[in-house]
Every structure is written in structure tokens, then in C-alpha cells.
Amino acid sequence: QVQLLESGGGLVQAGGSLRLSCAASGSISSINVMGWYRQAPGKQRELVATMASGGSTNYADSVKGRFTISRDNAKNTAFLQMNNLKPEDTAVYYCRIGTDTGGYWGQGTQVTVSS
């Protein structure tokens, strides 16, 4: 059984910063990719950023230059540093990992950016 524990969400003013964390635990052989997705009210879940085990990254165009994904492989933890936040970044942010045995989602953490 794999568990993902997310933290770091909250309420911030536009232009502010937040750092999300996602710690994976349980029966994990190896994590190939760790990523963050988000879902705003009334919208589909969308990719924010992913990072492969080798370090390659992928970002949504809307967050490039503002968000940075990183990971600590030794601790099976991923981070999302979010700077210059905008009201349109308001959403529930979900962590997802891809392993040799499948993909797993976290429970989500709310990020609210006020104007």
C-alpha cells in the first residue's frame, strides 16, 4: 500500500509564495516520476509540473518561470515551490507518483490566491 502525504497549501495574496510537499511512503520499489496536478472549481484536473527520476522536468506553460518542482529521492519526497502566485492559480493541488507497480494520487491540498 502506498500513501502520499501532501502539505503546504493555504491562503496567500497575489504575488506571494507557497511551497508544497509530498511525502510518499509504503510499499514503494522505485518512483519513476513525481508530479503535481491541480483542479480548479468547474475545471478538469491539469498537469502543473513533473520530474522524472533522472531529473528531467516538464511544466505547464502557465506556470513556467514561476513554479519549480524538485524532489528528494532518498526521502521519496517531492516539492513544488510556487512564486508570484496569481488568483488563477487557485485550485486543489494533487501529488501523483508513477512507480513500477502503478500510479498513485494524494488527497490534495487547497491553494487559494486572493487578489
N, C-alpha and C. Protein backbone atom coordinates (compact mmCIF):
# COMPACT_ATOMS: atom_id res chain seq x y z
N GLN A 1 0.85 -1.19 0.00
CA GLN A 1 0.00 0.00 0.00
C GLN A 1 0.89 1.24 0.00
N VAL A 2 0.53 2.19 -0.85
CA VAL A 2 1.29 3.43 -0.99
C VAL A 2 0.47 4.59 -0.48
N GLN A 3 1.10 5.45 0.28
CA GLN A 3 0.42 6.64 0.80
C GLN A 3 1.20 7.88 0.41
N LEU A 4 0.47 8.92 0.06
CA LEU A 4 1.08 10.21 -0.27
C LEU A 4 0.52 11.25 0.70
N LEU A 5 1.40 11.94 1.37
CA LEU A 5 1.00 12.96 2.33
C LEU A 5 1.43 14.32 1.81
N GLU A 6 0.45 15.14 1.48
CA GLU A 6 0.72 16.48 0.96
C GLU A 6 0.58 17.51 2.07
N SER A 7 1.34 18.57 1.94
CA SER A 7 1.24 19.68 2.90
C SER A 7 1.73 20.96 2.24
N GLY A 8 1.42 22.09 2.87
CA GLY A 8 1.94 23.36 2.40
C GLY A 8 0.93 24.28 1.74
N GLY A 9 -0.29 23.80 1.52
CA GLY A 9 -1.29 24.66 0.91
C GLY A 9 -1.76 25.73 1.88
N GLY A 10 -2.55 26.66 1.36
CA GLY A 10 -3.08 27.70 2.22
C GLY A 10 -3.58 28.88 1.43
N LEU A 11 -3.77 29.98 2.13
CA LEU A 11 -4.27 31.22 1.55
C LEU A 11 -3.13 32.21 1.46
N VAL A 12 -2.96 32.81 0.29
CA VAL A 12 -1.88 33.77 0.09
C VAL A 12 -2.37 34.87 -0.84
N GLN A 13 -1.81 36.04 -0.69
CA GLN A 13 -2.16 37.15 -1.58
C GLN A 13 -1.43 37.00 -2.91
N ALA A 14 -2.01 37.60 -3.92
CA ALA A 14 -1.36 37.59 -5.24
C ALA A 14 0.05 38.16 -5.13
N GLY A 15 0.97 37.50 -5.80
CA GLY A 15 2.38 37.88 -5.73
C GLY A 15 3.15 37.14 -4.67
N GLY A 16 2.45 36.43 -3.82
CA GLY A 16 3.09 35.69 -2.74
C GLY A 16 3.60 34.34 -3.18
N SER A 17 4.11 33.59 -2.21
CA SER A 17 4.72 32.29 -2.48
C SER A 17 4.20 31.23 -1.52
N LEU A 18 4.21 30.01 -1.99
CA LEU A 18 3.91 28.84 -1.17
C LEU A 18 4.82 27.70 -1.62
N ARG A 19 5.07 26.78 -0.71
CA ARG A 19 5.86 25.58 -1.04
C ARG A 19 5.07 24.36 -0.62
N LEU A 20 4.75 23.54 -1.60
CA LEU A 20 4.04 22.29 -1.34
C LEU A 20 5.03 21.15 -1.19
N SER A 21 4.66 20.19 -0.33
CA SER A 21 5.47 18.99 -0.14
C SER A 21 4.60 17.77 -0.32
N CYS A 22 5.22 16.69 -0.79
CA CYS A 22 4.51 15.43 -0.97
C CYS A 22 5.46 14.31 -0.58
N ALA A 23 5.12 13.63 0.51
CA ALA A 23 5.96 12.54 1.01
C ALA A 23 5.28 11.21 0.72
N ALA A 24 5.98 10.34 0.02
CA ALA A 24 5.44 9.03 -0.32
C ALA A 24 5.98 7.99 0.65
N SER A 25 5.11 7.08 1.06
CA SER A 25 5.52 6.02 1.97
C SER A 25 4.78 4.75 1.62
N GLY A 26 5.25 3.65 2.19
CA GLY A 26 4.60 2.37 1.94
C GLY A 26 5.44 1.46 1.06
N SER A 27 4.77 0.57 0.37
CA SER A 27 5.45 -0.43 -0.45
C SER A 27 5.83 0.18 -1.79
N ILE A 28 6.96 0.86 -1.78
CA ILE A 28 7.43 1.54 -2.99
C ILE A 28 8.77 0.93 -3.39
N SER A 29 8.80 0.38 -4.59
CA SER A 29 10.07 -0.19 -5.05
C SER A 29 10.93 0.91 -5.65
N SER A 30 10.37 1.66 -6.54
CA SER A 30 11.09 2.80 -7.11
C SER A 30 10.07 3.77 -7.69
N ILE A 31 10.35 5.03 -7.57
CA ILE A 31 9.47 6.07 -8.10
C ILE A 31 10.08 6.61 -9.38
N ASN A 32 9.39 6.42 -10.47
CA ASN A 32 9.91 6.87 -11.76
C ASN A 32 9.66 8.35 -12.00
N VAL A 33 8.47 8.79 -11.61
CA VAL A 33 8.13 10.19 -11.83
C VAL A 33 7.30 10.68 -10.66
N MET A 34 7.53 11.91 -10.28
CA MET A 34 6.73 12.58 -9.27
C MET A 34 6.20 13.85 -9.90
N GLY A 35 4.94 14.17 -9.60
CA GLY A 35 4.37 15.34 -10.24
C GLY A 35 3.28 15.99 -9.44
N TRP A 36 2.91 17.15 -9.90
CA TRP A 36 1.83 17.92 -9.29
C TRP A 36 0.80 18.25 -10.36
N TYR A 37 -0.45 18.12 -9.97
CA TYR A 37 -1.59 18.46 -10.82
C TYR A 37 -2.50 19.37 -10.01
N ARG A 38 -3.40 20.05 -10.67
CA ARG A 38 -4.34 20.89 -9.96
C ARG A 38 -5.70 20.85 -10.62
N GLN A 39 -6.71 21.12 -9.81
CA GLN A 39 -8.07 21.16 -10.31
C GLN A 39 -8.80 22.33 -9.68
N ALA A 40 -9.19 23.27 -10.52
CA ALA A 40 -9.95 24.43 -10.09
C ALA A 40 -11.43 24.09 -10.16
N PRO A 41 -12.26 24.79 -9.41
CA PRO A 41 -13.70 24.52 -9.44
C PRO A 41 -14.28 24.60 -10.85
N GLY A 42 -15.00 23.58 -11.25
CA GLY A 42 -15.62 23.56 -12.56
C GLY A 42 -14.70 23.25 -13.71
N LYS A 43 -13.44 22.92 -13.40
CA LYS A 43 -12.49 22.63 -14.46
C LYS A 43 -11.91 21.23 -14.30
N GLN A 44 -11.32 20.74 -15.37
CA GLN A 44 -10.68 19.43 -15.33
C GLN A 44 -9.32 19.53 -14.62
N ARG A 45 -8.90 18.40 -14.09
CA ARG A 45 -7.58 18.34 -13.48
C ARG A 45 -6.53 18.51 -14.57
N GLU A 46 -5.51 19.31 -14.27
CA GLU A 46 -4.48 19.58 -15.26
C GLU A 46 -3.09 19.42 -14.67
N LEU A 47 -2.15 19.10 -15.55
CA LEU A 47 -0.77 18.95 -15.13
C LEU A 47 -0.17 20.31 -14.77
N VAL A 48 0.58 20.33 -13.68
CA VAL A 48 1.32 21.54 -13.31
C VAL A 48 2.81 21.33 -13.61
N ALA A 49 3.36 20.26 -13.05
CA ALA A 49 4.79 20.00 -13.25
C ALA A 49 5.09 18.56 -12.90
N THR A 50 6.06 17.98 -13.60
CA THR A 50 6.52 16.64 -13.28
C THR A 50 8.04 16.60 -13.31
N MET A 51 8.58 15.63 -12.58
CA MET A 51 10.01 15.44 -12.56
C MET A 51 10.31 13.95 -12.58
N ALA A 52 11.10 13.52 -13.55
CA ALA A 52 11.48 12.12 -13.64
C ALA A 52 12.62 11.83 -12.67
N SER A 53 12.87 10.55 -12.48
CA SER A 53 13.91 10.16 -11.54
C SER A 53 15.28 10.66 -11.96
N GLY A 54 15.47 10.84 -13.26
CA GLY A 54 16.76 11.34 -13.75
C GLY A 54 16.91 12.84 -13.66
N GLY A 55 15.83 13.52 -13.31
CA GLY A 55 15.90 14.96 -13.11
C GLY A 55 15.23 15.80 -14.18
N SER A 56 14.80 15.18 -15.27
CA SER A 56 14.15 15.97 -16.32
C SER A 56 12.80 16.46 -15.81
N THR A 57 12.43 17.66 -16.22
CA THR A 57 11.20 18.29 -15.75
C THR A 57 10.30 18.68 -16.90
N ASN A 58 9.03 18.85 -16.56
CA ASN A 58 8.03 19.29 -17.52
C ASN A 58 7.08 20.21 -16.78
N TYR A 59 6.78 21.36 -17.38
CA TYR A 59 5.91 22.35 -16.74
C TYR A 59 4.78 22.76 -17.68
N ALA A 60 3.65 23.07 -17.09
CA ALA A 60 2.58 23.71 -17.84
C ALA A 60 3.05 25.11 -18.23
N ASP A 61 2.65 25.56 -19.40
CA ASP A 61 3.07 26.89 -19.87
C ASP A 61 2.66 27.98 -18.88
N SER A 62 1.54 27.78 -18.23
CA SER A 62 1.00 28.82 -17.35
C SER A 62 1.83 29.03 -16.08
N VAL A 63 2.70 28.08 -15.76
CA VAL A 63 3.49 28.20 -14.53
C VAL A 63 4.98 28.32 -14.79
N LYS A 64 5.39 28.21 -16.02
CA LYS A 64 6.83 28.30 -16.34
C LYS A 64 7.39 29.63 -15.87
N GLY A 65 8.54 29.55 -15.23
CA GLY A 65 9.19 30.76 -14.71
C GLY A 65 8.71 31.18 -13.34
N ARG A 66 7.63 30.58 -12.85
CA ARG A 66 7.10 30.92 -11.52
C ARG A 66 7.16 29.74 -10.56
N PHE A 67 6.93 28.54 -11.06
CA PHE A 67 6.92 27.34 -10.22
C PHE A 67 8.17 26.51 -10.49
N THR A 68 8.66 25.85 -9.46
CA THR A 68 9.81 24.96 -9.58
C THR A 68 9.53 23.66 -8.85
N ILE A 69 9.66 22.56 -9.56
CA ILE A 69 9.49 21.25 -8.94
C ILE A 69 10.86 20.70 -8.59
N SER A 70 10.93 20.02 -7.46
CA SER A 70 12.16 19.35 -7.05
C SER A 70 11.79 18.09 -6.28
N ARG A 71 12.76 17.24 -6.05
CA ARG A 71 12.48 16.02 -5.31
C ARG A 71 13.72 15.58 -4.54
N ASP A 72 13.45 14.91 -3.45
CA ASP A 72 14.49 14.28 -2.64
C ASP A 72 14.28 12.78 -2.76
N ASN A 73 15.06 12.16 -3.62
CA ASN A 73 14.85 10.74 -3.90
C ASN A 73 15.08 9.87 -2.67
N ALA A 74 16.01 10.26 -1.84
CA ALA A 74 16.30 9.47 -0.65
C ALA A 74 15.12 9.43 0.31
N LYS A 75 14.32 10.49 0.29
CA LYS A 75 13.16 10.58 1.19
C LYS A 75 11.84 10.39 0.46
N ASN A 76 11.89 10.06 -0.82
CA ASN A 76 10.66 9.87 -1.61
C ASN A 76 9.72 11.07 -1.45
N THR A 77 10.29 12.24 -1.55
CA THR A 77 9.52 13.46 -1.33
C THR A 77 9.67 14.40 -2.52
N ALA A 78 8.57 15.01 -2.91
CA ALA A 78 8.57 15.99 -3.97
C ALA A 78 8.13 17.34 -3.41
N PHE A 79 8.63 18.39 -4.04
CA PHE A 79 8.30 19.74 -3.61
C PHE A 79 7.83 20.55 -4.82
N LEU A 80 7.01 21.54 -4.55
CA LEU A 80 6.62 22.48 -5.59
C LEU A 80 6.73 23.87 -4.99
N GLN A 81 7.75 24.61 -5.41
CA GLN A 81 7.91 26.00 -4.99
C GLN A 81 7.12 26.88 -5.95
N MET A 82 6.18 27.62 -5.40
CA MET A 82 5.30 28.45 -6.21
C MET A 82 5.54 29.92 -5.84
N ASN A 83 6.03 30.67 -6.80
CA ASN A 83 6.30 32.09 -6.60
C ASN A 83 5.40 32.93 -7.49
N ASN A 84 5.27 34.20 -7.12
CA ASN A 84 4.46 35.13 -7.91
C ASN A 84 3.08 34.53 -8.22
N LEU A 85 2.44 34.05 -7.19
CA LEU A 85 1.14 33.39 -7.36
C LEU A 85 0.09 34.37 -7.86
N LYS A 86 -0.81 33.84 -8.66
CA LYS A 86 -1.88 34.63 -9.25
C LYS A 86 -3.23 34.03 -8.82
N PRO A 87 -4.29 34.83 -8.83
CA PRO A 87 -5.60 34.29 -8.46
C PRO A 87 -5.99 33.08 -9.30
N GLU A 88 -5.58 33.03 -10.54
CA GLU A 88 -5.92 31.88 -11.39
C GLU A 88 -5.16 30.61 -11.02
N ASP A 89 -4.24 30.71 -10.08
CA ASP A 89 -3.57 29.52 -9.56
C ASP A 89 -4.39 28.83 -8.48
N THR A 90 -5.47 29.46 -8.06
CA THR A 90 -6.34 28.88 -7.03
C THR A 90 -6.89 27.54 -7.50
N ALA A 91 -6.67 26.51 -6.70
CA ALA A 91 -7.10 25.16 -7.06
C ALA A 91 -6.74 24.21 -5.92
N VAL A 92 -7.23 22.99 -6.04
CA VAL A 92 -6.73 21.91 -5.21
C VAL A 92 -5.55 21.29 -5.95
N TYR A 93 -4.44 21.21 -5.28
CA TYR A 93 -3.21 20.66 -5.87
C TYR A 93 -3.02 19.22 -5.39
N TYR A 94 -2.78 18.35 -6.37
CA TYR A 94 -2.63 16.92 -6.10
C TYR A 94 -1.22 16.46 -6.47
N CYS A 95 -0.68 15.65 -5.62
CA CYS A 95 0.59 15.00 -5.91
C CYS A 95 0.29 13.65 -6.58
N ARG A 96 1.12 13.29 -7.51
CA ARG A 96 1.00 11.97 -8.14
C ARG A 96 2.38 11.38 -8.34
N ILE A 97 2.49 10.07 -8.08
CA ILE A 97 3.75 9.39 -8.35
C ILE A 97 3.49 8.24 -9.30
N GLY A 98 4.46 7.96 -10.14
CA GLY A 98 4.42 6.81 -11.03
C GLY A 98 5.52 5.85 -10.63
N THR A 99 5.14 4.63 -10.34
CA THR A 99 6.11 3.62 -9.91
C THR A 99 6.05 2.42 -10.86
N ASP A 100 6.88 1.45 -10.58
CA ASP A 100 6.88 0.24 -11.41
C ASP A 100 5.59 -0.56 -11.27
N THR A 101 4.84 -0.29 -10.20
CA THR A 101 3.60 -1.04 -9.97
C THR A 101 2.35 -0.23 -10.24
N GLY A 102 2.51 1.03 -10.64
CA GLY A 102 1.33 1.83 -10.95
C GLY A 102 1.46 3.28 -10.52
N GLY A 103 0.36 4.02 -10.71
CA GLY A 103 0.33 5.42 -10.33
C GLY A 103 -0.53 5.62 -9.09
N TYR A 104 -0.16 6.61 -8.29
CA TYR A 104 -0.87 6.89 -7.05
C TYR A 104 -1.08 8.39 -6.89
N TRP A 105 -2.25 8.72 -6.31
CA TRP A 105 -2.61 10.12 -6.10
C TRP A 105 -2.65 10.44 -4.61
N GLY A 106 -2.30 11.68 -4.29
CA GLY A 106 -2.50 12.17 -2.95
C GLY A 106 -3.93 12.67 -2.79
N GLN A 107 -4.26 13.12 -1.58
CA GLN A 107 -5.62 13.53 -1.29
C GLN A 107 -5.89 14.97 -1.70
N GLY A 108 -4.84 15.72 -1.98
CA GLY A 108 -4.99 17.10 -2.44
C GLY A 108 -4.83 18.10 -1.31
N THR A 109 -4.34 19.27 -1.67
CA THR A 109 -4.19 20.37 -0.72
C THR A 109 -4.67 21.65 -1.40
N GLN A 110 -5.45 22.43 -0.69
CA GLN A 110 -6.06 23.63 -1.26
C GLN A 110 -5.07 24.79 -1.28
N VAL A 111 -4.99 25.44 -2.43
CA VAL A 111 -4.22 26.67 -2.58
C VAL A 111 -5.20 27.76 -3.03
N THR A 112 -5.27 28.82 -2.27
CA THR A 112 -6.16 29.93 -2.60
C THR A 112 -5.34 31.21 -2.68
N VAL A 113 -5.44 31.88 -3.80
CA VAL A 113 -4.70 33.12 -4.03
C VAL A 113 -5.70 34.26 -4.14
N SER A 114 -5.61 35.21 -3.23
CA SER A 114 -6.54 36.34 -3.23
C SER A 114 -5.95 37.50 -4.02
N SER A 115 -6.83 38.26 -4.64
CA SER A 115 -6.38 39.40 -5.47
C SER A 115 -6.26 40.66 -4.64
